[in-house]
Each structure stands twice: as C-alpha cells, then as structure tokens.
N, C-alpha and C. Protein backbone atom coordinates (compact mmCIF):
# COMPACT_ATOMS: atom_id res chain seq x y z
N MET A 1 0.72 -1.20 0.27
CA MET A 1 -0.03 0.12 -0.03
C MET A 1 0.79 1.23 0.14
N ALA A 2 0.66 2.29 -0.64
CA ALA A 2 1.19 3.70 -0.88
C ALA A 2 1.01 4.11 0.55
N PRO A 3 2.17 5.08 0.87
CA PRO A 3 1.99 5.74 1.87
C PRO A 3 1.34 6.90 1.84
N GLU A 4 0.79 6.97 3.23
CA GLU A 4 -0.16 8.73 2.87
C GLU A 4 0.49 9.80 3.22
N TYR A 5 0.25 10.73 2.84
CA TYR A 5 0.81 12.03 3.29
C TYR A 5 0.27 13.14 4.21
N CYS A 6 1.13 14.07 4.86
CA CYS A 6 0.38 14.54 5.53
C CYS A 6 1.23 16.29 5.32
N GLU A 7 0.39 16.94 5.80
CA GLU A 7 1.19 18.57 6.22
C GLU A 7 0.74 18.69 7.63
N VAL A 8 1.87 18.74 8.38
CA VAL A 8 2.11 19.23 10.00
C VAL A 8 2.20 20.70 10.14
N VAL A 9 1.54 21.48 10.79
CA VAL A 9 1.37 22.45 11.08
C VAL A 9 1.90 22.78 12.48
N ILE A 10 2.96 23.75 12.69
CA ILE A 10 3.65 24.16 14.07
C ILE A 10 3.60 25.41 14.24
N THR A 11 3.25 26.13 15.46
CA THR A 11 3.39 27.36 15.74
C THR A 11 4.04 28.14 16.83
N ALA A 12 4.88 29.28 16.74
CA ALA A 12 5.77 29.47 17.89
C ALA A 12 5.84 31.07 17.68
N ASP A 13 6.06 31.57 19.09
CA ASP A 13 6.28 32.91 19.05
C ASP A 13 8.02 33.48 18.78
N ASP A 14 8.44 32.63 18.51
CA ASP A 14 10.06 32.93 18.37
C ASP A 14 10.56 32.10 16.86
N ALA A 15 10.30 33.02 15.60
CA ALA A 15 11.07 32.71 14.74
C ALA A 15 11.91 32.05 13.94
N GLU A 16 12.96 32.39 15.08
CA GLU A 16 14.26 31.78 14.80
C GLU A 16 14.00 30.64 15.16
N TRP A 17 14.04 29.95 16.37
CA TRP A 17 13.41 28.53 16.95
C TRP A 17 13.17 27.84 15.80
N LEU A 18 11.80 28.87 15.55
CA LEU A 18 11.17 27.95 14.45
C LEU A 18 11.85 26.98 13.17
N GLU A 19 12.59 28.39 12.60
CA GLU A 19 13.46 28.33 11.84
C GLU A 19 14.57 26.80 11.91
N SER A 20 15.23 27.24 12.83
CA SER A 20 15.92 26.03 13.31
C SER A 20 15.65 24.69 13.42
N PHE A 21 14.26 24.74 14.22
CA PHE A 21 13.70 23.55 13.94
C PHE A 21 13.21 23.00 13.21
N THR A 22 12.97 23.80 12.51
CA THR A 22 12.49 22.96 11.03
C THR A 22 13.57 22.55 9.96
N ARG A 23 14.48 23.17 10.47
CA ARG A 23 15.98 22.91 9.61
C ARG A 23 16.49 21.45 10.14
N ALA A 24 15.72 21.12 11.60
CA ALA A 24 16.69 19.71 12.02
C ALA A 24 15.65 18.94 11.66
N LEU A 25 14.14 18.91 11.48
CA LEU A 25 13.52 17.96 11.08
C LEU A 25 13.57 17.57 9.45
N VAL A 26 14.02 18.70 8.86
CA VAL A 26 14.56 18.54 7.57
C VAL A 26 15.63 17.51 7.08
N GLU A 27 16.46 17.99 8.20
CA GLU A 27 18.03 17.02 8.32
C GLU A 27 17.68 16.18 8.70
N ASP A 28 17.25 15.56 9.37
CA ASP A 28 17.15 14.33 10.05
C ASP A 28 15.58 13.48 9.12
N ARG A 29 15.27 14.03 8.01
CA ARG A 29 14.37 13.27 7.28
C ARG A 29 13.31 12.95 7.93
N LEU A 30 12.66 13.64 9.13
CA LEU A 30 11.15 14.03 9.29
C LEU A 30 10.43 14.44 8.10
N ALA A 31 11.17 15.48 7.87
CA ALA A 31 10.12 16.34 6.83
C ALA A 31 10.90 16.71 5.23
N ALA A 32 9.87 16.75 4.01
CA ALA A 32 10.85 16.75 3.09
C ALA A 32 10.91 18.54 3.04
N CYS A 33 10.06 19.15 3.66
CA CYS A 33 10.44 20.71 3.80
C CYS A 33 9.50 21.53 4.65
N GLY A 34 9.78 22.60 5.03
CA GLY A 34 8.89 23.33 5.64
C GLY A 34 8.68 25.02 4.95
N GLN A 35 7.69 25.57 4.96
CA GLN A 35 7.58 26.68 4.71
C GLN A 35 7.01 27.49 5.61
N ILE A 36 7.78 28.52 6.29
CA ILE A 36 7.35 29.28 7.53
C ILE A 36 7.28 30.64 6.96
N VAL A 37 6.09 30.84 7.65
CA VAL A 37 4.88 32.39 7.28
C VAL A 37 5.53 33.07 9.11
N PRO A 38 6.36 34.13 8.58
CA PRO A 38 6.27 34.76 9.61
C PRO A 38 5.22 36.02 9.82
N GLY A 39 5.05 36.44 11.44
CA GLY A 39 4.08 37.39 11.13
C GLY A 39 2.66 37.36 11.16
N ILE A 40 2.22 36.14 11.68
CA ILE A 40 0.57 35.98 11.58
C ILE A 40 0.21 36.72 13.09
N ARG A 41 -1.05 36.71 12.93
CA ARG A 41 -1.83 36.85 14.06
C ARG A 41 -2.49 35.76 14.85
N SER A 42 -2.10 35.44 15.92
CA SER A 42 -2.85 34.41 16.94
C SER A 42 -3.62 35.13 18.04
N THR A 43 -5.23 34.61 17.93
CA THR A 43 -5.89 34.87 18.91
C THR A 43 -6.33 33.68 19.73
N TYR A 44 -6.32 33.18 20.66
CA TYR A 44 -6.90 31.88 21.56
C TYR A 44 -7.41 32.41 23.04
N ARG A 45 -7.84 31.05 23.36
CA ARG A 45 -8.30 31.09 25.26
C ARG A 45 -6.92 30.68 25.63
N TRP A 46 -6.50 30.85 26.94
CA TRP A 46 -5.25 30.38 27.62
C TRP A 46 -5.60 31.03 28.96
N LYS A 47 -5.75 29.78 29.62
CA LYS A 47 -6.04 29.78 31.46
C LYS A 47 -7.21 31.06 31.59
N GLY A 48 -8.44 30.92 31.00
CA GLY A 48 -9.32 31.60 30.89
C GLY A 48 -9.93 33.17 30.49
N ALA A 49 -8.29 33.51 29.57
CA ALA A 49 -8.50 34.92 29.51
C ALA A 49 -8.22 34.52 27.35
N VAL A 50 -8.91 35.44 26.94
CA VAL A 50 -8.50 35.62 25.38
C VAL A 50 -7.40 36.16 25.30
N GLU A 51 -6.40 35.93 24.81
CA GLU A 51 -5.02 36.22 24.41
C GLU A 51 -5.04 36.48 22.61
N ALA A 52 -4.12 37.31 22.75
CA ALA A 52 -3.37 37.58 21.49
C ALA A 52 -1.79 37.58 21.17
N ALA A 53 -1.17 37.20 20.08
CA ALA A 53 0.20 37.19 19.90
C ALA A 53 0.65 37.14 18.42
N THR A 54 1.85 37.64 18.20
CA THR A 54 2.39 37.66 16.92
C THR A 54 3.26 35.95 16.94
N GLU A 55 2.85 35.43 16.12
CA GLU A 55 3.56 33.95 16.04
C GLU A 55 4.29 33.84 14.45
N SER A 56 4.94 32.41 14.23
CA SER A 56 5.36 32.40 13.19
C SER A 56 4.53 30.76 12.85
N ARG A 57 4.64 30.50 11.67
CA ARG A 57 3.64 28.87 11.53
C ARG A 57 4.62 28.20 10.75
N VAL A 58 4.80 27.07 10.73
CA VAL A 58 5.46 26.56 9.79
C VAL A 58 4.51 25.19 9.43
N ALA A 59 4.87 24.71 8.12
CA ALA A 59 3.84 23.71 7.00
C ALA A 59 4.88 23.08 6.46
N LEU A 60 4.99 21.78 7.53
CA LEU A 60 5.92 20.81 6.75
C LEU A 60 5.01 19.65 5.98
N HIS A 61 5.70 19.14 4.88
CA HIS A 61 5.12 17.96 4.53
C HIS A 61 6.04 16.78 4.83
N THR A 62 5.27 15.44 4.71
CA THR A 62 6.05 14.52 5.13
C THR A 62 5.01 13.08 5.22
N ARG A 63 5.48 12.44 5.71
CA ARG A 63 4.77 11.20 5.29
C ARG A 63 3.82 10.79 6.93
N ALA A 64 2.45 10.50 6.50
CA ALA A 64 1.93 10.36 7.61
C ALA A 64 2.42 9.24 8.96
N GLU A 65 2.99 8.35 8.26
CA GLU A 65 4.13 7.77 9.28
C GLU A 65 4.74 8.16 9.99
N LEU A 66 5.55 9.33 10.09
CA LEU A 66 6.26 10.39 10.56
C LEU A 66 5.82 11.26 11.45
N VAL A 67 4.22 11.43 11.35
CA VAL A 67 3.76 12.22 12.12
C VAL A 67 4.07 11.95 13.82
N PRO A 68 3.54 10.78 14.38
CA PRO A 68 4.15 10.69 15.55
C PRO A 68 5.50 11.19 15.99
N ALA A 69 6.56 10.78 15.20
CA ALA A 69 7.77 11.40 15.79
C ALA A 69 8.05 12.81 15.73
N ILE A 70 7.46 13.31 14.93
CA ILE A 70 7.28 15.03 14.76
C ILE A 70 6.41 15.86 15.89
N VAL A 71 5.39 14.95 16.16
CA VAL A 71 4.88 15.26 17.85
C VAL A 71 5.51 15.40 19.04
N GLU A 72 6.36 14.13 18.95
CA GLU A 72 6.81 13.90 19.97
C GLU A 72 8.04 15.23 20.21
N ARG A 73 8.72 15.30 19.20
CA ARG A 73 10.23 15.98 19.05
C ARG A 73 9.53 17.49 19.19
N THR A 74 8.43 17.91 18.83
CA THR A 74 8.08 19.01 19.27
C THR A 74 7.55 18.79 20.54
N GLN A 75 6.73 18.51 21.25
CA GLN A 75 6.53 18.48 22.61
C GLN A 75 7.65 18.37 23.42
N ARG A 76 8.95 17.87 23.15
CA ARG A 76 10.18 17.89 24.06
C ARG A 76 10.61 19.26 23.85
N ALA A 77 10.90 19.96 22.71
CA ALA A 77 11.56 20.86 22.30
C ALA A 77 10.68 22.67 22.56
N HIS A 78 9.62 22.13 22.20
CA HIS A 78 8.86 23.54 22.08
C HIS A 78 8.68 24.57 23.14
N PRO A 79 9.21 25.56 23.24
CA PRO A 79 9.19 26.59 24.41
C PRO A 79 7.91 26.84 25.02
N TYR A 80 6.71 26.43 24.11
CA TYR A 80 5.40 26.81 24.54
C TYR A 80 5.16 25.60 25.77
N GLU A 81 3.95 25.92 26.51
CA GLU A 81 3.48 24.58 27.87
C GLU A 81 3.21 23.73 26.59
N VAL A 82 1.92 24.36 25.82
CA VAL A 82 0.94 23.62 24.99
C VAL A 82 1.35 23.89 23.60
N ALA A 83 1.91 23.33 22.81
CA ALA A 83 2.51 23.51 21.19
C ALA A 83 1.43 23.21 20.52
N CYS A 84 0.97 24.37 19.64
CA CYS A 84 0.11 24.15 18.52
C CYS A 84 0.85 22.92 17.88
N VAL A 85 0.65 21.91 17.53
CA VAL A 85 1.28 20.51 16.51
C VAL A 85 0.29 20.17 15.95
N ILE A 86 -0.66 20.37 14.37
CA ILE A 86 -1.76 19.38 14.17
C ILE A 86 -1.24 18.51 12.77
N ALA A 87 -1.62 17.72 12.31
CA ALA A 87 -1.42 17.42 11.05
C ALA A 87 -2.57 16.98 10.20
N LEU A 88 -2.73 17.54 8.64
CA LEU A 88 -4.14 17.56 8.18
C LEU A 88 -3.34 16.64 6.99
N PRO A 89 -4.35 15.74 6.19
CA PRO A 89 -4.03 14.99 5.41
C PRO A 89 -4.02 15.41 3.97
N ILE A 90 -3.15 15.00 3.57
CA ILE A 90 -3.00 15.26 2.34
C ILE A 90 -3.79 14.70 1.28
N ARG A 91 -4.89 15.28 0.77
CA ARG A 91 -6.41 14.18 -0.01
C ARG A 91 -5.69 14.09 -1.56
N ALA A 92 -5.05 15.24 -2.08
CA ALA A 92 -4.44 15.18 -3.67
C ALA A 92 -3.40 16.18 -3.86
N ALA A 93 -2.46 15.50 -4.34
CA ALA A 93 -1.10 16.57 -4.92
C ALA A 93 -0.76 16.04 -6.24
N SER A 94 0.25 16.82 -7.02
CA SER A 94 1.02 16.21 -8.02
C SER A 94 1.71 14.99 -7.58
N PRO A 95 1.41 14.10 -8.21
CA PRO A 95 2.26 13.06 -8.21
C PRO A 95 3.58 12.81 -8.15
N ASP A 96 3.99 13.68 -8.82
CA ASP A 96 5.72 14.42 -8.72
C ASP A 96 6.16 14.76 -7.33
N TYR A 97 5.58 15.47 -6.90
CA TYR A 97 5.68 15.93 -5.37
C TYR A 97 5.56 15.14 -4.39
N LEU A 98 4.77 14.05 -4.50
CA LEU A 98 4.55 13.12 -3.44
C LEU A 98 5.77 12.08 -3.73
N VAL A 99 5.86 11.69 -4.83
CA VAL A 99 7.18 11.10 -5.06
C VAL A 99 8.51 11.78 -4.14
N TRP A 100 8.52 13.01 -4.19
CA TRP A 100 9.58 13.75 -4.05
C TRP A 100 9.91 13.44 -2.23
N ILE A 101 8.38 13.73 -1.83
CA ILE A 101 8.22 13.85 -0.51
C ILE A 101 8.81 12.38 -0.14
N GLU A 102 8.41 11.38 -0.58
CA GLU A 102 8.83 10.34 -0.48
C GLU A 102 10.28 9.92 -0.19
N GLN A 103 10.76 10.15 -1.57
CA GLN A 103 12.38 10.32 -1.54
C GLN A 103 13.12 11.10 -0.69
N GLU A 104 12.35 11.97 0.14
CA GLU A 104 13.45 12.54 0.61
C GLU A 104 12.84 12.92 2.29
N THR A 105 11.88 11.75 2.70
CA THR A 105 12.19 11.60 4.16
C THR A 105 12.28 10.20 4.40
N THR A 106 12.32 9.34 5.63
CA THR A 106 12.87 8.48 5.88
C THR A 106 11.79 7.55 6.44
N SER A 107 11.85 6.07 6.14
CA SER A 107 10.78 5.24 6.88
C SER A 107 11.30 4.94 8.04
N LEU A 108 10.53 5.26 8.96
CA LEU A 108 10.77 4.39 10.27
C LEU A 108 10.86 3.00 10.66
N PRO A 109 11.74 2.52 11.46
CA PRO A 109 11.40 0.98 11.65
C PRO A 109 10.00 0.99 12.31
N THR A 110 9.48 -0.27 12.45
CA THR A 110 7.98 -0.34 12.74
C THR A 110 8.75 -0.35 14.12
N GLY A 111 7.38 0.46 15.28
CA GLY A 111 7.40 0.81 16.30
C GLY A 111 8.24 1.82 17.03
N SER A 112 8.91 2.43 16.19
CA SER A 112 9.86 3.60 16.80
C SER A 112 9.12 5.37 16.56
N VAL A 113 9.80 5.71 17.38
CA VAL A 113 9.13 7.15 16.98
C VAL A 113 10.49 8.18 17.44
C-alpha cells in the first residue's frame, strides 16, 4: 500500500527557533520541507483569558507515518507549555511532488518514534 502524506502545522512566537527546529526536522528526514510564514496574528483562549500574539507558522510536508515522531519531538523541544502541532492529510497532490516527499523522508522502523 502506498504511504499517506500530511501537512504538519506548528506555530511558535520565536521565528528563529521555528526556523532552526524546521531545519533539524528536514536534516533528520522527518519532513521533506518546511514553509515558514512569519508574522501571523493568533487569537486564542489561555488559562481563562482571551489572548493575542504575533507568531510564526510552519507547514511541513511529510509521510503520515512520521507524524508521531514530529509530534513527540515538538512536545520535547517547543518553548510553549502547550504547542500547536496538528497534522492535516494531503488528499490530492501532484504525483511528482508526492514521490519527492517519499524520496526526501525516511521510513521509520516499526514501533519507533
């Protein structure tokens, strides 16, 4: 069966940290690429109050099987108490792009994260 693919979104208030973290994920072949958008404005509820902050956002393209490893690494390294890290399935894409994601990411051994 062909692998499934995802876009993993992570936000952070420190753009330099997010760039460094994204680079590490790509270097370790957990993601084929990361597209960073700086200067987004987030509004959210935190500890009973509505807050707003300027953040950066990355969209990582990867295999679905690698999402647990990305989530785990994000939870360990992210400066937030509760980090935004979500995976969205890629329902359709250029076949050549999916082949590229496949070639630029690693297959994890069964059971590893």
